[in-house]
C-alpha cells in the first residue's frame, strides 16, 4: 500500500538513514543521513561513502567531518563507511515525501543514538557551517 506524501512527511526525523535515486547529479543510488528537519525543509543529506574522497584528505576541516560508521553496526552497509558531513544539502519535505511515496527513496535505518550525538557535536563545533545553519538544523 502506497502512503500519501502528507503522511510520509510527518514521519521524517533527524538521524534517519535513507537510500535514494532522487539525486540528478549522481548516477547511482546513495545512502544519506537526515540531520535537520524544519516545518518546510529536510537538511543534511550527509552522504555515506565507502571511502573518503581524495580531495577531502588534504583539507583538514573537511577531513575532520568524515564520521566513520561500521558495517557491523548497520546491516545495510557492505563495508565500513563514512558519513560525509562537509556541507548541508536541503530539500523540501514535500520533495522527499513524494520521492518516498514514489519508491525512489526508502528508509533503511536510523543512526544509533551515540553516533547521532557524536555527529551533531562535530557539526556544531565545525567552522564549515554558519551560526544560522547550526541553529536551524543542528539543535
N, C-alpha and C. Protein backbone atom coordinates (compact mmCIF):
# COMPACT_ATOMS: atom_id res chain seq x y z
N UNK A 1 0.83 -1.18 0.00
CA UNK A 1 0.00 0.00 0.00
C UNK A 1 0.88 1.25 0.00
N UNK A 2 0.62 2.14 -0.91
CA UNK A 2 1.38 3.38 -1.01
C UNK A 2 0.84 4.40 -0.02
N UNK A 3 1.74 5.01 0.77
CA UNK A 3 1.32 6.01 1.74
C UNK A 3 1.27 7.38 1.07
N UNK A 4 0.27 8.19 1.44
CA UNK A 4 0.23 9.56 0.90
C UNK A 4 1.44 10.36 1.37
N UNK A 5 1.93 11.26 0.51
CA UNK A 5 3.11 12.06 0.82
C UNK A 5 2.92 12.87 2.11
N UNK A 6 1.69 13.33 2.38
CA UNK A 6 1.42 14.10 3.59
C UNK A 6 1.70 13.26 4.84
N UNK A 7 1.32 12.00 4.82
CA UNK A 7 1.56 11.11 5.95
C UNK A 7 3.06 10.81 6.09
N UNK A 8 3.71 10.57 4.98
CA UNK A 8 5.15 10.31 4.97
C UNK A 8 5.89 11.51 5.55
N UNK A 9 5.45 12.71 5.18
CA UNK A 9 6.07 13.95 5.62
C UNK A 9 6.18 14.03 7.14
N UNK A 10 5.22 13.51 7.85
CA UNK A 10 5.20 13.57 9.31
C UNK A 10 6.08 12.51 9.97
N UNK A 11 6.63 11.61 9.19
CA UNK A 11 7.46 10.54 9.77
C UNK A 11 8.96 10.76 9.55
N UNK A 12 9.33 11.82 8.84
CA UNK A 12 10.74 12.10 8.56
C UNK A 12 11.36 12.75 9.80
N UNK A 13 12.44 12.14 10.29
CA UNK A 13 13.07 12.61 11.54
C UNK A 13 14.59 12.66 11.43
N UNK A 14 15.18 13.44 12.32
CA UNK A 14 16.63 13.53 12.45
C UNK A 14 17.20 12.15 12.74
N UNK A 15 18.33 11.84 12.09
CA UNK A 15 19.04 10.59 12.33
C UNK A 15 18.63 9.45 11.43
N UNK A 16 17.57 9.64 10.65
CA UNK A 16 17.16 8.56 9.74
C UNK A 16 18.13 8.46 8.57
N UNK A 17 18.31 7.22 8.14
CA UNK A 17 19.19 6.93 7.01
C UNK A 17 18.31 6.41 5.87
N UNK A 18 18.43 7.05 4.73
CA UNK A 18 17.66 6.69 3.55
C UNK A 18 18.59 6.25 2.43
N UNK A 19 18.02 5.53 1.48
CA UNK A 19 18.70 5.23 0.22
C UNK A 19 17.83 5.83 -0.87
N UNK A 20 18.45 6.55 -1.81
CA UNK A 20 17.66 7.24 -2.81
C UNK A 20 18.34 7.33 -4.17
N UNK A 21 17.50 7.40 -5.19
CA UNK A 21 17.94 7.67 -6.55
C UNK A 21 17.43 9.04 -7.00
N UNK A 22 17.04 9.89 -6.07
CA UNK A 22 16.44 11.19 -6.40
C UNK A 22 17.45 12.28 -6.77
N UNK A 23 18.73 11.98 -6.69
CA UNK A 23 19.76 13.00 -6.94
C UNK A 23 20.16 12.98 -8.41
N UNK A 24 19.80 14.02 -9.12
CA UNK A 24 20.05 14.08 -10.56
C UNK A 24 21.53 14.13 -10.91
N UNK A 25 22.35 14.65 -10.01
CA UNK A 25 23.78 14.79 -10.30
C UNK A 25 24.59 13.56 -9.91
N UNK A 26 23.92 12.50 -9.43
CA UNK A 26 24.61 11.27 -9.06
C UNK A 26 23.98 10.13 -9.87
N UNK A 27 24.82 9.33 -10.51
CA UNK A 27 24.31 8.31 -11.44
C UNK A 27 23.99 6.97 -10.78
N UNK A 28 23.90 6.94 -9.46
CA UNK A 28 23.56 5.71 -8.75
C UNK A 28 22.86 6.07 -7.44
N UNK A 29 22.25 5.09 -6.82
CA UNK A 29 21.60 5.32 -5.55
C UNK A 29 22.61 5.68 -4.47
N UNK A 30 22.20 6.56 -3.55
CA UNK A 30 23.08 6.99 -2.46
C UNK A 30 22.37 6.83 -1.12
N UNK A 31 23.14 6.43 -0.13
CA UNK A 31 22.67 6.45 1.24
C UNK A 31 22.95 7.84 1.79
N UNK A 32 22.04 8.37 2.60
CA UNK A 32 22.26 9.67 3.22
C UNK A 32 21.57 9.72 4.58
N UNK A 33 22.05 10.64 5.40
CA UNK A 33 21.53 10.83 6.75
C UNK A 33 20.83 12.18 6.84
N UNK A 34 19.66 12.20 7.45
CA UNK A 34 18.95 13.44 7.74
C UNK A 34 19.45 13.96 9.09
N UNK A 35 19.90 15.21 9.15
CA UNK A 35 20.36 15.77 10.41
C UNK A 35 19.54 16.95 10.90
N UNK A 36 18.71 17.48 10.05
CA UNK A 36 17.86 18.59 10.46
C UNK A 36 16.53 18.54 9.75
N UNK A 37 15.47 18.87 10.50
CA UNK A 37 14.13 18.90 9.93
C UNK A 37 13.44 20.15 10.45
N UNK A 38 12.96 20.98 9.53
CA UNK A 38 12.16 22.14 9.90
C UNK A 38 10.74 21.88 9.41
N UNK A 39 9.86 22.86 9.56
CA UNK A 39 8.49 22.69 9.08
C UNK A 39 8.44 22.47 7.57
N UNK A 40 9.36 23.09 6.86
CA UNK A 40 9.34 23.04 5.40
C UNK A 40 10.46 22.23 4.76
N UNK A 41 11.60 22.10 5.46
CA UNK A 41 12.79 21.51 4.84
C UNK A 41 13.34 20.32 5.63
N UNK A 42 14.06 19.51 4.88
CA UNK A 42 14.87 18.44 5.45
C UNK A 42 16.30 18.80 5.08
N UNK A 43 17.20 18.74 6.07
CA UNK A 43 18.57 19.17 5.82
C UNK A 43 19.56 18.10 6.21
N UNK A 44 20.73 18.25 5.66
CA UNK A 44 21.80 17.32 5.93
C UNK A 44 22.12 16.63 4.64
N UNK A 45 21.35 15.59 4.39
CA UNK A 45 21.65 14.76 3.24
C UNK A 45 23.14 14.47 3.24
N UNK A 46 23.67 14.22 4.44
CA UNK A 46 25.07 13.85 4.56
C UNK A 46 25.22 12.47 3.94
N UNK A 47 25.90 12.41 2.82
CA UNK A 47 26.06 11.15 2.10
C UNK A 47 26.95 10.18 2.86
N UNK A 48 26.67 8.91 2.68
CA UNK A 48 27.50 7.85 3.25
C UNK A 48 28.34 7.29 2.11
N UNK A 49 29.65 7.30 2.31
CA UNK A 49 30.58 6.82 1.29
C UNK A 49 31.44 5.71 1.87
N UNK A 50 31.82 4.76 1.02
CA UNK A 50 32.67 3.67 1.50
C UNK A 50 34.13 4.10 1.67
N UNK A 51 34.50 5.19 1.03
CA UNK A 51 35.86 5.72 1.15
C UNK A 51 35.80 7.23 1.30
N UNK A 52 36.84 7.80 1.85
CA UNK A 52 36.94 9.25 1.93
C UNK A 52 37.48 9.75 0.60
N UNK A 53 36.81 10.74 0.03
CA UNK A 53 37.23 11.32 -1.24
C UNK A 53 38.64 11.88 -1.10
N UNK A 54 39.49 11.61 -2.07
CA UNK A 54 40.89 12.04 -2.02
C UNK A 54 41.03 13.56 -1.96
N UNK A 55 40.07 14.30 -2.52
CA UNK A 55 40.12 15.76 -2.46
C UNK A 55 39.92 16.29 -1.04
N UNK A 56 39.24 15.51 -0.21
CA UNK A 56 38.95 15.92 1.17
C UNK A 56 40.14 15.68 2.09
N UNK A 57 40.93 14.68 1.80
CA UNK A 57 42.02 14.28 2.69
C UNK A 57 42.99 15.43 2.96
N UNK A 58 43.22 16.28 1.99
CA UNK A 58 44.18 17.38 2.15
C UNK A 58 43.56 18.62 2.79
N UNK A 59 42.26 18.61 3.03
CA UNK A 59 41.57 19.77 3.63
C UNK A 59 41.17 19.40 5.05
N UNK A 60 41.94 19.85 6.02
CA UNK A 60 41.80 19.41 7.41
C UNK A 60 40.38 19.56 7.95
N UNK A 61 39.74 20.71 7.73
CA UNK A 61 38.38 20.91 8.24
C UNK A 61 37.40 19.90 7.64
N UNK A 62 37.50 19.64 6.36
CA UNK A 62 36.61 18.68 5.71
C UNK A 62 36.95 17.25 6.11
N UNK A 63 38.22 16.96 6.21
CA UNK A 63 38.65 15.62 6.62
C UNK A 63 38.12 15.28 8.02
N UNK A 64 38.13 16.28 8.89
CA UNK A 64 37.65 16.08 10.26
C UNK A 64 36.15 15.78 10.32
N UNK A 65 35.44 16.09 9.24
CA UNK A 65 33.99 15.88 9.20
C UNK A 65 33.59 14.58 8.50
N UNK A 66 34.52 13.66 8.39
CA UNK A 66 34.24 12.32 7.86
C UNK A 66 33.99 11.41 9.07
N UNK A 67 32.74 11.11 9.33
CA UNK A 67 32.39 10.35 10.54
C UNK A 67 32.30 8.86 10.20
N UNK A 68 33.15 8.03 10.80
CA UNK A 68 33.15 6.60 10.47
C UNK A 68 31.95 5.86 11.07
N UNK A 69 31.35 4.98 10.28
CA UNK A 69 30.33 4.05 10.78
C UNK A 69 30.71 2.65 10.30
N UNK A 70 30.45 1.68 11.15
CA UNK A 70 30.91 0.32 10.88
C UNK A 70 29.79 -0.55 10.33
N UNK A 71 30.15 -1.42 9.41
CA UNK A 71 29.19 -2.36 8.83
C UNK A 71 28.57 -3.25 9.90
N UNK A 72 29.32 -3.56 10.94
CA UNK A 72 28.79 -4.43 12.00
C UNK A 72 27.67 -3.74 12.79
N UNK A 73 27.61 -2.40 12.73
CA UNK A 73 26.57 -1.65 13.44
C UNK A 73 25.34 -1.38 12.59
N UNK A 74 25.50 -1.47 11.27
CA UNK A 74 24.41 -1.12 10.35
C UNK A 74 24.29 -2.18 9.27
N UNK A 75 23.22 -2.93 9.32
CA UNK A 75 23.02 -4.06 8.42
C UNK A 75 22.97 -3.73 6.94
N UNK A 76 22.65 -2.51 6.59
CA UNK A 76 22.57 -2.14 5.17
C UNK A 76 23.96 -1.91 4.56
N UNK A 77 24.98 -1.71 5.39
CA UNK A 77 26.33 -1.45 4.88
C UNK A 77 27.04 -2.75 4.51
N UNK A 78 27.72 -2.74 3.38
CA UNK A 78 28.57 -3.86 2.99
C UNK A 78 29.99 -3.68 3.53
N UNK A 79 30.37 -2.42 3.74
CA UNK A 79 31.72 -2.08 4.17
C UNK A 79 31.66 -1.02 5.27
N UNK A 80 32.71 -0.96 6.08
CA UNK A 80 32.84 0.18 6.98
C UNK A 80 32.85 1.42 6.10
N UNK A 81 32.18 2.47 6.53
CA UNK A 81 31.98 3.63 5.68
C UNK A 81 32.12 4.92 6.46
N UNK A 82 31.85 6.04 5.77
CA UNK A 82 31.99 7.36 6.37
C UNK A 82 30.79 8.23 6.01
N UNK A 83 30.31 8.95 7.00
CA UNK A 83 29.30 9.97 6.74
C UNK A 83 30.07 11.24 6.40
N UNK A 84 29.81 11.77 5.23
CA UNK A 84 30.48 12.98 4.76
C UNK A 84 29.67 14.19 5.22
N UNK A 85 30.08 14.79 6.34
CA UNK A 85 29.34 15.90 6.93
C UNK A 85 30.03 17.23 6.62
N UNK A 86 30.32 17.46 5.35
CA UNK A 86 31.06 18.67 5.00
C UNK A 86 30.19 19.80 4.49
N UNK A 87 28.99 19.51 4.04
CA UNK A 87 28.11 20.59 3.60
C UNK A 87 26.65 20.16 3.75
N UNK A 88 25.81 21.16 3.88
CA UNK A 88 24.39 20.91 4.06
C UNK A 88 23.70 20.97 2.71
N UNK A 89 22.94 19.96 2.44
CA UNK A 89 22.06 19.96 1.28
C UNK A 89 20.65 19.98 1.85
N UNK A 90 19.80 20.82 1.32
CA UNK A 90 18.41 20.85 1.79
C UNK A 90 17.48 20.47 0.65
N UNK A 91 16.38 19.90 1.03
CA UNK A 91 15.28 19.58 0.11
C UNK A 91 13.99 19.92 0.84
N UNK A 92 12.98 20.21 0.09
CA UNK A 92 11.70 20.43 0.74
C UNK A 92 11.19 19.10 1.28
N UNK A 93 10.47 19.16 2.38
CA UNK A 93 9.89 17.94 2.93
C UNK A 93 8.96 17.31 1.90
N UNK A 94 8.29 18.15 1.15
CA UNK A 94 7.36 17.66 0.13
C UNK A 94 8.10 16.83 -0.92
N UNK A 95 9.25 17.33 -1.38
CA UNK A 95 10.01 16.60 -2.40
C UNK A 95 10.48 15.24 -1.88
N UNK A 96 11.00 15.22 -0.65
CA UNK A 96 11.45 13.95 -0.08
C UNK A 96 10.26 13.02 0.14
N UNK A 97 9.16 13.54 0.65
CA UNK A 97 7.97 12.72 0.88
C UNK A 97 7.45 12.11 -0.42
N UNK A 98 7.42 12.92 -1.46
CA UNK A 98 6.96 12.42 -2.76
C UNK A 98 7.90 11.35 -3.31
N UNK A 99 9.20 11.52 -3.09
CA UNK A 99 10.18 10.54 -3.54
C UNK A 99 10.00 9.21 -2.79
N UNK A 100 9.69 9.30 -1.51
CA UNK A 100 9.43 8.09 -0.72
C UNK A 100 8.16 7.42 -1.22
N UNK A 101 7.11 8.21 -1.40
CA UNK A 101 5.83 7.66 -1.88
C UNK A 101 5.96 7.02 -3.26
N UNK A 102 6.85 7.59 -4.10
CA UNK A 102 7.05 7.07 -5.46
C UNK A 102 7.99 5.87 -5.50
N UNK A 103 8.62 5.54 -4.36
CA UNK A 103 9.53 4.40 -4.32
C UNK A 103 10.95 4.71 -4.75
N UNK A 104 11.28 5.98 -4.96
CA UNK A 104 12.65 6.36 -5.34
C UNK A 104 13.55 6.48 -4.13
N UNK A 105 12.95 6.63 -2.96
CA UNK A 105 13.69 6.78 -1.71
C UNK A 105 13.08 5.86 -0.67
N UNK A 106 13.94 5.19 0.10
CA UNK A 106 13.42 4.30 1.14
C UNK A 106 14.23 4.45 2.42
N UNK A 107 13.54 4.33 3.53
CA UNK A 107 14.17 4.36 4.84
C UNK A 107 14.85 3.02 5.06
N UNK A 108 16.15 3.05 5.42
CA UNK A 108 16.88 1.80 5.62
C UNK A 108 17.29 1.57 7.06
N UNK A 109 17.43 2.65 7.84
CA UNK A 109 17.89 2.51 9.22
C UNK A 109 17.84 3.87 9.88
N UNK A 110 18.25 3.92 11.13
CA UNK A 110 18.45 5.18 11.86
C UNK A 110 19.81 5.10 12.54
N UNK A 111 20.47 6.25 12.63
CA UNK A 111 21.74 6.27 13.34
C UNK A 111 21.52 5.88 14.80
N UNK A 112 22.43 5.14 15.33
CA UNK A 112 22.39 4.82 16.75
C UNK A 112 22.54 6.13 17.52
N UNK A 113 21.92 6.22 18.69
CA UNK A 113 21.91 7.46 19.47
C UNK A 113 23.31 8.03 19.68
N UNK A 114 24.25 7.19 20.05
CA UNK A 114 25.62 7.66 20.28
C UNK A 114 26.21 8.26 19.01
N UNK A 115 25.99 7.61 17.87
CA UNK A 115 26.54 8.10 16.62
C UNK A 115 25.89 9.43 16.23
N UNK A 116 24.57 9.53 16.41
CA UNK A 116 23.88 10.78 16.10
C UNK A 116 24.40 11.91 16.99
N UNK A 117 24.52 11.64 18.28
CA UNK A 117 25.02 12.67 19.20
C UNK A 117 26.45 13.08 18.88
N UNK A 118 27.30 12.11 18.55
CA UNK A 118 28.69 12.42 18.15
C UNK A 118 28.71 13.28 16.89
N UNK A 119 27.90 12.91 15.91
CA UNK A 119 27.85 13.65 14.66
C UNK A 119 27.35 15.08 14.89
N UNK A 120 26.30 15.23 15.69
CA UNK A 120 25.78 16.57 15.98
C UNK A 120 26.82 17.42 16.71
N UNK A 121 27.55 16.82 17.62
CA UNK A 121 28.60 17.55 18.33
C UNK A 121 29.67 18.03 17.35
N UNK A 122 30.04 17.17 16.41
CA UNK A 122 31.05 17.55 15.40
C UNK A 122 30.57 18.74 14.57
N UNK A 123 29.34 18.66 14.06
CA UNK A 123 28.86 19.73 13.17
C UNK A 123 28.62 21.02 13.93
N UNK A 124 28.23 20.92 15.18
CA UNK A 124 28.03 22.13 15.99
C UNK A 124 29.35 22.87 16.24
N UNK A 125 30.45 22.15 16.30
CA UNK A 125 31.76 22.74 16.54
C UNK A 125 32.48 23.14 15.26
N UNK A 126 32.04 22.65 14.14
CA UNK A 126 32.75 22.85 12.88
C UNK A 126 32.66 24.29 12.37
N UNK A 127 33.75 24.74 11.75
CA UNK A 127 33.79 26.05 11.10
C UNK A 127 33.15 26.02 9.71
N UNK A 128 32.79 24.84 9.24
CA UNK A 128 32.23 24.72 7.89
C UNK A 128 30.79 25.22 7.80
N UNK A 129 30.14 25.38 8.96
CA UNK A 129 28.73 25.76 8.96
C UNK A 129 28.54 27.09 9.66
N UNK A 130 27.61 27.89 9.15
CA UNK A 130 27.34 29.20 9.74
C UNK A 130 26.52 29.04 11.03
N UNK A 131 26.48 30.10 11.81
CA UNK A 131 25.68 30.09 13.03
C UNK A 131 24.21 29.85 12.71
N UNK A 132 23.74 30.43 11.63
CA UNK A 132 22.35 30.26 11.23
C UNK A 132 22.06 28.81 10.85
N UNK A 133 22.96 28.20 10.08
CA UNK A 133 22.79 26.79 9.72
C UNK A 133 22.79 25.91 10.97
N UNK A 134 23.70 26.19 11.85
CA UNK A 134 23.77 25.40 13.09
C UNK A 134 22.49 25.54 13.89
N UNK A 135 22.03 26.77 14.06
CA UNK A 135 20.80 26.99 14.82
C UNK A 135 19.58 26.34 14.15
N UNK A 136 19.49 26.48 12.84
CA UNK A 136 18.33 25.95 12.13
C UNK A 136 18.29 24.43 12.03
N UNK A 137 19.46 23.79 11.94
CA UNK A 137 19.46 22.36 11.62
C UNK A 137 20.12 21.44 12.63
N UNK A 138 20.97 21.94 13.50
CA UNK A 138 21.75 21.04 14.35
C UNK A 138 21.40 21.11 15.83
N UNK A 139 20.42 21.91 16.20
CA UNK A 139 19.99 21.95 17.61
C UNK A 139 18.55 21.53 17.75
